[in-house]
Amino acid sequence: QPNLPRLPIPSLEETITKFPSYVAALQTPEQQTETRRLCDEFLQGVGPKLQQALLEYEQEGIEHGTRGSYIEEFWNESYLAPDESVVLNLNPFFVLEQSPDPKIAKDQLRRAASLTFASVKLASLLRHETLTPDIFRGKPLCMDQFKVLFGSARQPGGKQVCDQVTVYNDSTH
């Protein structure tokens, strides 16, 4: 993880240039015009100060080793702070595709055994920190979030702003 390149912070100009095209499909022509006007206003107003604050926040995280990325804290909070139903609104899910092995695909018991074996193998690779990182465009991706895949629990935050994720490394289930 420490050898991975950090997620770059795009320039304010790049962000302001791209943002209107990202939201265009959700807007009327009048709203698009207003969005471009507000982007220009932001670029000429408070935008540069906020961009500088973000760059300083990132540098602080680098110097103190407190964050892997400038978005990490905000990302976690976006999932751990809302009061909505977690099960329906925030839980990730995945689809189990058919097994490429026809013997396993047609046999429910073999399929369950295959999935269990693969899950235990992944948990072991994660626990021993030997999982090979995914590669995108020739560069390794951050695999840090995988550490909360097994043996972890979301715990109510109490007086804190948001819930906490606690990882139990010695968990056996």
N, C-alpha and C. Protein backbone atom coordinates (compact mmCIF):
# COMPACT_ATOMS: atom_id res chain seq x y z
N GLN A 1 0.80 -1.19 0.00
CA GLN A 1 0.00 0.00 0.00
C GLN A 1 0.85 1.27 0.00
N PRO A 2 1.89 1.36 0.81
CA PRO A 2 2.64 2.62 0.85
C PRO A 2 3.32 2.96 -0.47
N ASN A 3 3.56 1.96 -1.32
CA ASN A 3 4.25 2.20 -2.58
C ASN A 3 3.31 2.64 -3.70
N LEU A 4 2.02 2.61 -3.45
CA LEU A 4 1.07 3.00 -4.48
C LEU A 4 1.08 4.51 -4.67
N PRO A 5 0.86 4.95 -5.90
CA PRO A 5 0.74 6.40 -6.10
C PRO A 5 -0.55 6.89 -5.44
N ARG A 6 -0.50 8.09 -4.92
CA ARG A 6 -1.68 8.66 -4.28
C ARG A 6 -2.68 9.11 -5.34
N LEU A 7 -3.94 9.10 -4.98
CA LEU A 7 -4.98 9.58 -5.88
C LEU A 7 -4.75 11.07 -6.10
N PRO A 8 -4.56 11.48 -7.35
CA PRO A 8 -4.25 12.90 -7.57
C PRO A 8 -5.48 13.79 -7.36
N ILE A 9 -5.23 14.98 -6.91
CA ILE A 9 -6.30 15.98 -6.79
C ILE A 9 -6.33 16.74 -8.11
N PRO A 10 -7.45 16.68 -8.82
CA PRO A 10 -7.51 17.42 -10.09
C PRO A 10 -7.46 18.93 -9.82
N SER A 11 -6.99 19.66 -10.82
CA SER A 11 -6.98 21.12 -10.67
C SER A 11 -8.41 21.63 -10.59
N LEU A 12 -8.57 22.78 -10.00
CA LEU A 12 -9.90 23.38 -9.89
C LEU A 12 -10.48 23.64 -11.29
N GLU A 13 -9.64 24.10 -12.19
CA GLU A 13 -10.09 24.38 -13.55
C GLU A 13 -10.59 23.11 -14.23
N GLU A 14 -9.87 22.00 -14.04
CA GLU A 14 -10.28 20.73 -14.64
C GLU A 14 -11.63 20.29 -14.08
N THR A 15 -11.80 20.41 -12.78
CA THR A 15 -13.06 20.02 -12.15
C THR A 15 -14.21 20.88 -12.66
N ILE A 16 -14.00 22.18 -12.70
CA ILE A 16 -15.04 23.11 -13.14
C ILE A 16 -15.39 22.89 -14.61
N THR A 17 -14.40 22.53 -15.42
CA THR A 17 -14.65 22.27 -16.84
C THR A 17 -15.47 21.00 -17.04
N LYS A 18 -15.19 19.96 -16.26
CA LYS A 18 -15.85 18.67 -16.45
C LYS A 18 -17.23 18.58 -15.78
N PHE A 19 -17.41 19.26 -14.66
CA PHE A 19 -18.65 19.11 -13.88
C PHE A 19 -19.93 19.31 -14.70
N PRO A 20 -20.06 20.39 -15.49
CA PRO A 20 -21.32 20.57 -16.23
C PRO A 20 -21.67 19.39 -17.14
N SER A 21 -20.68 18.76 -17.74
CA SER A 21 -20.98 17.62 -18.61
C SER A 21 -21.43 16.40 -17.80
N TYR A 22 -20.96 16.29 -16.55
CA TYR A 22 -21.36 15.16 -15.70
C TYR A 22 -22.83 15.24 -15.31
N VAL A 23 -23.33 16.45 -15.12
CA VAL A 23 -24.71 16.61 -14.66
C VAL A 23 -25.69 16.96 -15.78
N ALA A 24 -25.19 17.14 -16.99
CA ALA A 24 -26.03 17.59 -18.11
C ALA A 24 -27.23 16.69 -18.36
N ALA A 25 -27.05 15.39 -18.27
CA ALA A 25 -28.15 14.46 -18.55
C ALA A 25 -29.28 14.56 -17.53
N LEU A 26 -29.01 15.16 -16.40
CA LEU A 26 -30.01 15.28 -15.34
C LEU A 26 -30.68 16.65 -15.33
N GLN A 27 -30.29 17.52 -16.26
CA GLN A 27 -30.75 18.90 -16.21
C GLN A 27 -31.48 19.33 -17.47
N THR A 28 -32.32 20.34 -17.28
CA THR A 28 -32.95 21.01 -18.43
C THR A 28 -31.91 21.97 -19.02
N PRO A 29 -32.13 22.46 -20.23
CA PRO A 29 -31.19 23.44 -20.80
C PRO A 29 -31.01 24.68 -19.91
N GLU A 30 -32.09 25.11 -19.27
CA GLU A 30 -31.99 26.28 -18.38
C GLU A 30 -31.10 25.96 -17.17
N GLN A 31 -31.27 24.76 -16.62
CA GLN A 31 -30.45 24.35 -15.48
C GLN A 31 -28.98 24.22 -15.88
N GLN A 32 -28.73 23.76 -17.10
CA GLN A 32 -27.35 23.64 -17.57
C GLN A 32 -26.69 25.02 -17.66
N THR A 33 -27.45 25.98 -18.16
CA THR A 33 -26.93 27.35 -18.24
C THR A 33 -26.62 27.88 -16.85
N GLU A 34 -27.53 27.64 -15.91
CA GLU A 34 -27.33 28.09 -14.53
C GLU A 34 -26.13 27.38 -13.89
N THR A 35 -25.96 26.10 -14.18
CA THR A 35 -24.81 25.35 -13.65
C THR A 35 -23.51 25.95 -14.15
N ARG A 36 -23.43 26.26 -15.44
CA ARG A 36 -22.21 26.86 -15.99
C ARG A 36 -21.94 28.22 -15.34
N ARG A 37 -23.00 29.00 -15.14
CA ARG A 37 -22.84 30.31 -14.50
C ARG A 37 -22.31 30.15 -13.07
N LEU A 38 -22.89 29.20 -12.32
CA LEU A 38 -22.45 28.96 -10.95
C LEU A 38 -21.02 28.44 -10.90
N CYS A 39 -20.65 27.62 -11.86
CA CYS A 39 -19.27 27.12 -11.92
C CYS A 39 -18.29 28.28 -12.14
N ASP A 40 -18.63 29.18 -13.06
CA ASP A 40 -17.78 30.35 -13.30
C ASP A 40 -17.68 31.21 -12.04
N GLU A 41 -18.81 31.40 -11.37
CA GLU A 41 -18.84 32.19 -10.14
C GLU A 41 -17.96 31.53 -9.06
N PHE A 42 -18.06 30.22 -8.95
CA PHE A 42 -17.26 29.46 -7.98
C PHE A 42 -15.77 29.60 -8.28
N LEU A 43 -15.43 29.51 -9.57
CA LEU A 43 -14.03 29.61 -9.99
C LEU A 43 -13.46 30.99 -9.68
N GLN A 44 -14.28 32.02 -9.81
CA GLN A 44 -13.82 33.39 -9.54
C GLN A 44 -13.95 33.77 -8.07
N GLY A 45 -14.71 32.99 -7.31
CA GLY A 45 -14.97 33.33 -5.91
C GLY A 45 -14.22 32.45 -4.93
N VAL A 46 -14.97 31.65 -4.17
CA VAL A 46 -14.43 30.86 -3.07
C VAL A 46 -13.67 29.61 -3.55
N GLY A 47 -13.85 29.21 -4.79
CA GLY A 47 -13.24 27.99 -5.31
C GLY A 47 -11.74 27.86 -5.06
N PRO A 48 -10.94 28.87 -5.43
CA PRO A 48 -9.50 28.75 -5.20
C PRO A 48 -9.12 28.57 -3.73
N LYS A 49 -9.84 29.22 -2.82
CA LYS A 49 -9.55 29.04 -1.38
C LYS A 49 -9.87 27.62 -0.93
N LEU A 50 -10.98 27.08 -1.41
CA LEU A 50 -11.35 25.71 -1.05
C LEU A 50 -10.38 24.70 -1.67
N GLN A 51 -9.93 24.97 -2.89
CA GLN A 51 -8.95 24.09 -3.54
C GLN A 51 -7.65 24.09 -2.74
N GLN A 52 -7.22 25.25 -2.29
CA GLN A 52 -5.99 25.34 -1.49
C GLN A 52 -6.16 24.61 -0.17
N ALA A 53 -7.32 24.74 0.45
CA ALA A 53 -7.58 24.02 1.71
C ALA A 53 -7.54 22.51 1.49
N LEU A 54 -8.06 22.04 0.35
CA LEU A 54 -8.03 20.62 0.03
C LEU A 54 -6.60 20.14 -0.17
N LEU A 55 -5.79 20.92 -0.86
CA LEU A 55 -4.38 20.57 -1.07
C LEU A 55 -3.64 20.50 0.26
N GLU A 56 -3.92 21.43 1.16
CA GLU A 56 -3.29 21.42 2.49
C GLU A 56 -3.76 20.22 3.31
N TYR A 57 -5.04 19.89 3.20
CA TYR A 57 -5.60 18.72 3.90
C TYR A 57 -4.89 17.45 3.42
N GLU A 58 -4.69 17.33 2.11
CA GLU A 58 -3.99 16.17 1.55
C GLU A 58 -2.55 16.12 2.05
N GLN A 59 -1.88 17.26 2.06
CA GLN A 59 -0.49 17.30 2.52
C GLN A 59 -0.39 16.90 3.99
N GLU A 60 -1.33 17.34 4.79
CA GLU A 60 -1.37 16.97 6.21
C GLU A 60 -1.51 15.45 6.37
N GLY A 61 -2.37 14.85 5.56
CA GLY A 61 -2.54 13.39 5.59
C GLY A 61 -1.27 12.66 5.20
N ILE A 62 -0.53 13.21 4.23
CA ILE A 62 0.74 12.61 3.81
C ILE A 62 1.76 12.71 4.93
N GLU A 63 1.90 13.89 5.50
CA GLU A 63 2.91 14.13 6.54
C GLU A 63 2.67 13.31 7.79
N HIS A 64 1.40 13.15 8.17
CA HIS A 64 1.09 12.43 9.40
C HIS A 64 0.72 10.97 9.17
N GLY A 65 0.61 10.56 7.91
CA GLY A 65 0.25 9.18 7.60
C GLY A 65 -1.12 8.79 8.12
N THR A 66 -2.03 9.76 8.18
CA THR A 66 -3.35 9.50 8.77
C THR A 66 -4.40 9.06 7.76
N ARG A 67 -4.16 9.31 6.48
CA ARG A 67 -5.14 8.95 5.46
C ARG A 67 -4.41 8.37 4.25
N GLY A 68 -5.08 7.41 3.60
CA GLY A 68 -4.54 6.87 2.37
C GLY A 68 -4.86 7.75 1.18
N SER A 69 -5.91 8.56 1.31
CA SER A 69 -6.37 9.41 0.22
C SER A 69 -7.12 10.60 0.78
N TYR A 70 -7.13 11.67 0.04
CA TYR A 70 -7.85 12.86 0.49
C TYR A 70 -9.36 12.64 0.56
N ILE A 71 -9.88 11.64 -0.14
CA ILE A 71 -11.33 11.40 -0.08
C ILE A 71 -11.73 10.33 0.94
N GLU A 72 -10.75 9.64 1.52
CA GLU A 72 -11.05 8.49 2.39
C GLU A 72 -12.00 8.84 3.53
N GLU A 73 -11.69 9.88 4.26
CA GLU A 73 -12.51 10.26 5.42
C GLU A 73 -13.94 10.63 4.99
N PHE A 74 -14.04 11.39 3.90
CA PHE A 74 -15.35 11.81 3.40
C PHE A 74 -16.13 10.61 2.87
N TRP A 75 -15.44 9.70 2.20
CA TRP A 75 -16.06 8.49 1.65
C TRP A 75 -16.64 7.65 2.78
N ASN A 76 -15.82 7.40 3.80
CA ASN A 76 -16.29 6.60 4.94
C ASN A 76 -17.47 7.26 5.63
N GLU A 77 -17.38 8.56 5.82
CA GLU A 77 -18.47 9.27 6.50
C GLU A 77 -19.76 9.22 5.68
N SER A 78 -19.64 9.25 4.36
CA SER A 78 -20.85 9.21 3.53
C SER A 78 -21.59 7.90 3.70
N TYR A 79 -20.89 6.84 4.07
CA TYR A 79 -21.53 5.55 4.31
C TYR A 79 -21.89 5.31 5.77
N LEU A 80 -21.14 5.90 6.68
CA LEU A 80 -21.33 5.60 8.09
C LEU A 80 -22.16 6.62 8.85
N ALA A 81 -22.44 7.78 8.27
CA ALA A 81 -23.18 8.81 8.98
C ALA A 81 -24.69 8.81 8.74
N PRO A 82 -25.18 8.41 7.57
CA PRO A 82 -26.63 8.53 7.33
C PRO A 82 -27.47 7.71 8.30
N ASP A 83 -28.68 8.21 8.55
CA ASP A 83 -29.61 7.53 9.45
C ASP A 83 -30.57 6.59 8.72
N GLU A 84 -30.51 6.57 7.39
CA GLU A 84 -31.44 5.72 6.64
C GLU A 84 -31.15 4.25 6.92
N SER A 85 -32.08 3.42 6.48
CA SER A 85 -31.91 1.98 6.62
C SER A 85 -30.65 1.53 5.89
N VAL A 86 -29.74 0.96 6.61
CA VAL A 86 -28.48 0.52 6.03
C VAL A 86 -28.70 -0.61 5.05
N VAL A 87 -29.55 -1.54 5.42
CA VAL A 87 -29.77 -2.73 4.59
C VAL A 87 -30.24 -2.35 3.19
N LEU A 88 -31.21 -1.45 3.10
CA LEU A 88 -31.77 -1.12 1.80
C LEU A 88 -30.99 -0.06 1.04
N ASN A 89 -30.38 0.87 1.73
CA ASN A 89 -29.80 2.02 1.06
C ASN A 89 -28.29 2.01 0.90
N LEU A 90 -27.57 1.30 1.73
CA LEU A 90 -26.12 1.44 1.71
C LEU A 90 -25.33 0.16 1.55
N ASN A 91 -25.91 -0.98 1.83
CA ASN A 91 -25.12 -2.21 1.77
C ASN A 91 -24.70 -2.53 0.34
N PRO A 92 -23.43 -2.85 0.16
CA PRO A 92 -23.00 -3.27 -1.17
C PRO A 92 -23.53 -4.67 -1.46
N PHE A 93 -23.59 -5.02 -2.71
CA PHE A 93 -24.01 -6.37 -3.07
C PHE A 93 -23.20 -6.80 -4.28
N PHE A 94 -23.24 -8.05 -4.57
CA PHE A 94 -22.60 -8.55 -5.77
C PHE A 94 -23.40 -9.72 -6.30
N VAL A 95 -23.21 -9.99 -7.56
CA VAL A 95 -23.93 -11.07 -8.23
C VAL A 95 -22.97 -12.23 -8.43
N LEU A 96 -23.41 -13.40 -8.07
CA LEU A 96 -22.61 -14.60 -8.29
C LEU A 96 -22.96 -15.16 -9.66
N GLU A 97 -22.03 -15.07 -10.57
CA GLU A 97 -22.26 -15.58 -11.92
C GLU A 97 -22.21 -17.10 -11.92
N GLN A 98 -22.73 -17.68 -12.99
CA GLN A 98 -22.68 -19.12 -13.13
C GLN A 98 -21.23 -19.59 -13.14
N SER A 99 -20.99 -20.73 -12.55
CA SER A 99 -19.66 -21.32 -12.57
C SER A 99 -19.32 -21.73 -14.00
N PRO A 100 -18.09 -21.49 -14.43
CA PRO A 100 -17.71 -21.94 -15.77
C PRO A 100 -17.60 -23.46 -15.87
N ASP A 101 -17.50 -24.12 -14.73
CA ASP A 101 -17.41 -25.58 -14.70
C ASP A 101 -18.83 -26.15 -14.71
N PRO A 102 -19.23 -26.85 -15.78
CA PRO A 102 -20.61 -27.34 -15.86
C PRO A 102 -20.98 -28.31 -14.74
N LYS A 103 -20.01 -29.06 -14.21
CA LYS A 103 -20.32 -29.99 -13.11
C LYS A 103 -20.74 -29.23 -11.86
N ILE A 104 -20.09 -28.11 -11.62
CA ILE A 104 -20.41 -27.31 -10.43
C ILE A 104 -21.68 -26.49 -10.66
N ALA A 105 -21.84 -25.96 -11.86
CA ALA A 105 -22.98 -25.09 -12.15
C ALA A 105 -24.32 -25.79 -11.95
N LYS A 106 -24.37 -27.09 -12.19
CA LYS A 106 -25.64 -27.82 -12.12
C LYS A 106 -25.86 -28.52 -10.78
N ASP A 107 -24.90 -28.43 -9.89
CA ASP A 107 -25.00 -29.15 -8.61
C ASP A 107 -24.94 -28.13 -7.48
N GLN A 108 -26.05 -27.94 -6.78
CA GLN A 108 -26.14 -26.93 -5.74
C GLN A 108 -25.11 -27.15 -4.63
N LEU A 109 -24.90 -28.38 -4.22
CA LEU A 109 -23.95 -28.68 -3.15
C LEU A 109 -22.52 -28.35 -3.58
N ARG A 110 -22.15 -28.75 -4.79
CA ARG A 110 -20.80 -28.43 -5.29
C ARG A 110 -20.62 -26.92 -5.43
N ARG A 111 -21.66 -26.24 -5.89
CA ARG A 111 -21.58 -24.78 -6.05
C ARG A 111 -21.38 -24.12 -4.69
N ALA A 112 -22.12 -24.54 -3.69
CA ALA A 112 -21.96 -23.98 -2.34
C ALA A 112 -20.56 -24.26 -1.81
N ALA A 113 -20.06 -25.47 -2.03
CA ALA A 113 -18.71 -25.82 -1.57
C ALA A 113 -17.67 -24.98 -2.29
N SER A 114 -17.85 -24.78 -3.59
CA SER A 114 -16.92 -23.98 -4.38
C SER A 114 -16.88 -22.53 -3.89
N LEU A 115 -18.05 -21.95 -3.63
CA LEU A 115 -18.13 -20.57 -3.14
C LEU A 115 -17.52 -20.44 -1.74
N THR A 116 -17.78 -21.42 -0.89
CA THR A 116 -17.21 -21.41 0.46
C THR A 116 -15.70 -21.50 0.39
N PHE A 117 -15.18 -22.40 -0.43
CA PHE A 117 -13.73 -22.55 -0.58
C PHE A 117 -13.10 -21.25 -1.07
N ALA A 118 -13.71 -20.63 -2.09
CA ALA A 118 -13.17 -19.39 -2.64
C ALA A 118 -13.19 -18.27 -1.60
N SER A 119 -14.25 -18.20 -0.79
CA SER A 119 -14.34 -17.18 0.25
C SER A 119 -13.27 -17.37 1.32
N VAL A 120 -13.07 -18.62 1.74
CA VAL A 120 -12.06 -18.91 2.76
C VAL A 120 -10.66 -18.62 2.21
N LYS A 121 -10.44 -18.95 0.95
CA LYS A 121 -9.14 -18.68 0.32
C LYS A 121 -8.87 -17.17 0.28
N LEU A 122 -9.89 -16.39 -0.12
CA LEU A 122 -9.74 -14.93 -0.15
C LEU A 122 -9.48 -14.39 1.25
N ALA A 123 -10.22 -14.86 2.24
CA ALA A 123 -10.02 -14.41 3.62
C ALA A 123 -8.60 -14.71 4.08
N SER A 124 -8.08 -15.87 3.72
CA SER A 124 -6.71 -16.24 4.10
C SER A 124 -5.68 -15.33 3.42
N LEU A 125 -5.88 -15.05 2.15
CA LEU A 125 -4.96 -14.15 1.44
C LEU A 125 -4.97 -12.76 2.07
N LEU A 126 -6.14 -12.29 2.45
CA LEU A 126 -6.25 -10.98 3.08
C LEU A 126 -5.61 -10.96 4.45
N ARG A 127 -5.87 -11.99 5.24
CA ARG A 127 -5.33 -12.07 6.59
C ARG A 127 -3.80 -12.09 6.58
N HIS A 128 -3.23 -12.79 5.60
CA HIS A 128 -1.77 -12.91 5.51
C HIS A 128 -1.14 -11.84 4.62
N GLU A 129 -2.00 -10.93 4.13
CA GLU A 129 -1.56 -9.82 3.28
C GLU A 129 -0.76 -10.31 2.07
N THR A 130 -1.28 -11.35 1.43
CA THR A 130 -0.62 -11.91 0.24
C THR A 130 -1.51 -11.82 -1.00
N LEU A 131 -2.62 -11.10 -0.92
CA LEU A 131 -3.49 -10.94 -2.07
C LEU A 131 -2.80 -10.04 -3.10
N THR A 132 -2.70 -10.52 -4.31
CA THR A 132 -2.09 -9.73 -5.38
C THR A 132 -3.04 -8.58 -5.73
N PRO A 133 -2.52 -7.35 -5.79
CA PRO A 133 -3.41 -6.23 -6.08
C PRO A 133 -3.96 -6.29 -7.50
N ASP A 134 -5.17 -5.78 -7.67
CA ASP A 134 -5.75 -5.64 -9.00
C ASP A 134 -4.92 -4.60 -9.75
N ILE A 135 -4.86 -4.75 -11.06
CA ILE A 135 -4.09 -3.84 -11.90
C ILE A 135 -5.05 -3.14 -12.85
N PHE A 136 -4.89 -1.83 -12.98
CA PHE A 136 -5.69 -1.05 -13.92
C PHE A 136 -4.75 -0.16 -14.71
N ARG A 137 -4.79 -0.31 -16.02
CA ARG A 137 -3.92 0.46 -16.92
C ARG A 137 -2.45 0.33 -16.50
N GLY A 138 -2.08 -0.88 -16.12
CA GLY A 138 -0.69 -1.16 -15.79
C GLY A 138 -0.26 -0.73 -14.40
N LYS A 139 -1.17 -0.20 -13.60
CA LYS A 139 -0.82 0.27 -12.26
C LYS A 139 -1.63 -0.49 -11.22
N PRO A 140 -0.99 -0.83 -10.09
CA PRO A 140 -1.73 -1.53 -9.03
C PRO A 140 -2.75 -0.59 -8.38
N LEU A 141 -3.90 -1.16 -8.03
CA LEU A 141 -4.95 -0.40 -7.35
C LEU A 141 -4.84 -0.58 -5.84
N CYS A 142 -5.33 0.39 -5.12
CA CYS A 142 -5.37 0.31 -3.67
C CYS A 142 -6.34 -0.79 -3.26
N MET A 143 -5.89 -1.68 -2.40
CA MET A 143 -6.72 -2.80 -1.94
C MET A 143 -7.07 -2.63 -0.46
N ASP A 144 -6.86 -1.44 0.07
CA ASP A 144 -7.01 -1.19 1.50
C ASP A 144 -8.41 -1.52 2.02
N GLN A 145 -9.44 -1.27 1.23
CA GLN A 145 -10.81 -1.51 1.69
C GLN A 145 -11.13 -2.99 1.86
N PHE A 146 -10.31 -3.86 1.27
CA PHE A 146 -10.55 -5.29 1.41
C PHE A 146 -10.41 -5.76 2.86
N LYS A 147 -9.65 -5.00 3.66
CA LYS A 147 -9.42 -5.44 5.04
C LYS A 147 -10.69 -5.46 5.89
N VAL A 148 -11.75 -4.79 5.43
CA VAL A 148 -13.00 -4.80 6.19
C VAL A 148 -14.02 -5.79 5.61
N LEU A 149 -13.59 -6.62 4.69
CA LEU A 149 -14.49 -7.57 4.04
C LEU A 149 -14.88 -8.71 4.96
N PHE A 150 -13.97 -9.18 5.79
CA PHE A 150 -14.23 -10.31 6.68
C PHE A 150 -13.95 -9.88 8.12
N GLY A 151 -14.69 -10.44 9.06
CA GLY A 151 -14.44 -10.21 10.48
C GLY A 151 -14.58 -8.76 10.89
N SER A 152 -15.52 -8.06 10.28
CA SER A 152 -15.71 -6.65 10.63
C SER A 152 -17.17 -6.39 10.97
N ALA A 153 -17.38 -5.32 11.73
CA ALA A 153 -18.75 -4.98 12.13
C ALA A 153 -18.90 -3.46 12.14
N ARG A 154 -20.06 -3.02 11.73
CA ARG A 154 -20.41 -1.61 11.82
C ARG A 154 -21.02 -1.40 13.19
N GLN A 155 -20.45 -0.49 13.96
CA GLN A 155 -20.92 -0.26 15.32
C GLN A 155 -21.46 1.16 15.45
N PRO A 156 -22.59 1.31 16.11
CA PRO A 156 -23.18 2.64 16.27
C PRO A 156 -22.19 3.62 16.87
N GLY A 157 -22.23 4.84 16.34
CA GLY A 157 -21.27 5.86 16.75
C GLY A 157 -21.52 6.48 18.11
N GLY A 158 -22.72 6.30 18.65
CA GLY A 158 -23.02 6.92 19.94
C GLY A 158 -23.01 8.43 19.82
N LYS A 159 -22.10 9.08 20.52
CA LYS A 159 -22.02 10.54 20.50
C LYS A 159 -21.19 11.06 19.33
N GLN A 160 -20.56 10.16 18.60
CA GLN A 160 -19.77 10.58 17.44
C GLN A 160 -20.70 10.89 16.28
N VAL A 161 -20.14 11.57 15.27
CA VAL A 161 -20.93 11.98 14.11
C VAL A 161 -21.42 10.77 13.32
N CYS A 162 -20.59 9.75 13.24
CA CYS A 162 -21.00 8.59 12.43
C CYS A 162 -20.57 7.28 13.09
N ASP A 163 -21.12 6.20 12.56
CA ASP A 163 -20.78 4.87 13.06
C ASP A 163 -19.31 4.58 12.79
N GLN A 164 -18.82 3.51 13.39
CA GLN A 164 -17.42 3.09 13.21
C GLN A 164 -17.40 1.67 12.67
N VAL A 165 -16.39 1.36 11.88
CA VAL A 165 -16.18 -0.02 11.44
C VAL A 165 -15.04 -0.58 12.27
N THR A 166 -15.31 -1.68 12.94
CA THR A 166 -14.30 -2.34 13.76
C THR A 166 -13.96 -3.67 13.10
N VAL A 167 -12.67 -3.92 12.95
CA VAL A 167 -12.20 -5.17 12.34
C VAL A 167 -11.66 -6.05 13.44
N TYR A 168 -12.12 -7.29 13.45
CA TYR A 168 -11.66 -8.29 14.41
C TYR A 168 -10.78 -9.28 13.66
N ASN A 169 -9.48 -9.02 13.68
CA ASN A 169 -8.55 -9.83 12.90
C ASN A 169 -8.50 -11.29 13.34
N ASP A 170 -8.85 -11.57 14.58
CA ASP A 170 -8.80 -12.95 15.06
C ASP A 170 -10.16 -13.65 14.92
N SER A 171 -11.08 -13.03 14.21
CA SER A 171 -12.40 -13.63 14.00
C SER A 171 -12.27 -14.93 13.22
N THR A 172 -13.07 -15.90 13.57
CA THR A 172 -13.03 -17.19 12.87
C THR A 172 -14.32 -17.47 12.11
N HIS A 173 -15.13 -16.46 11.92
CA HIS A 173 -16.37 -16.64 11.16
C HIS A 173 -16.61 -15.44 10.25
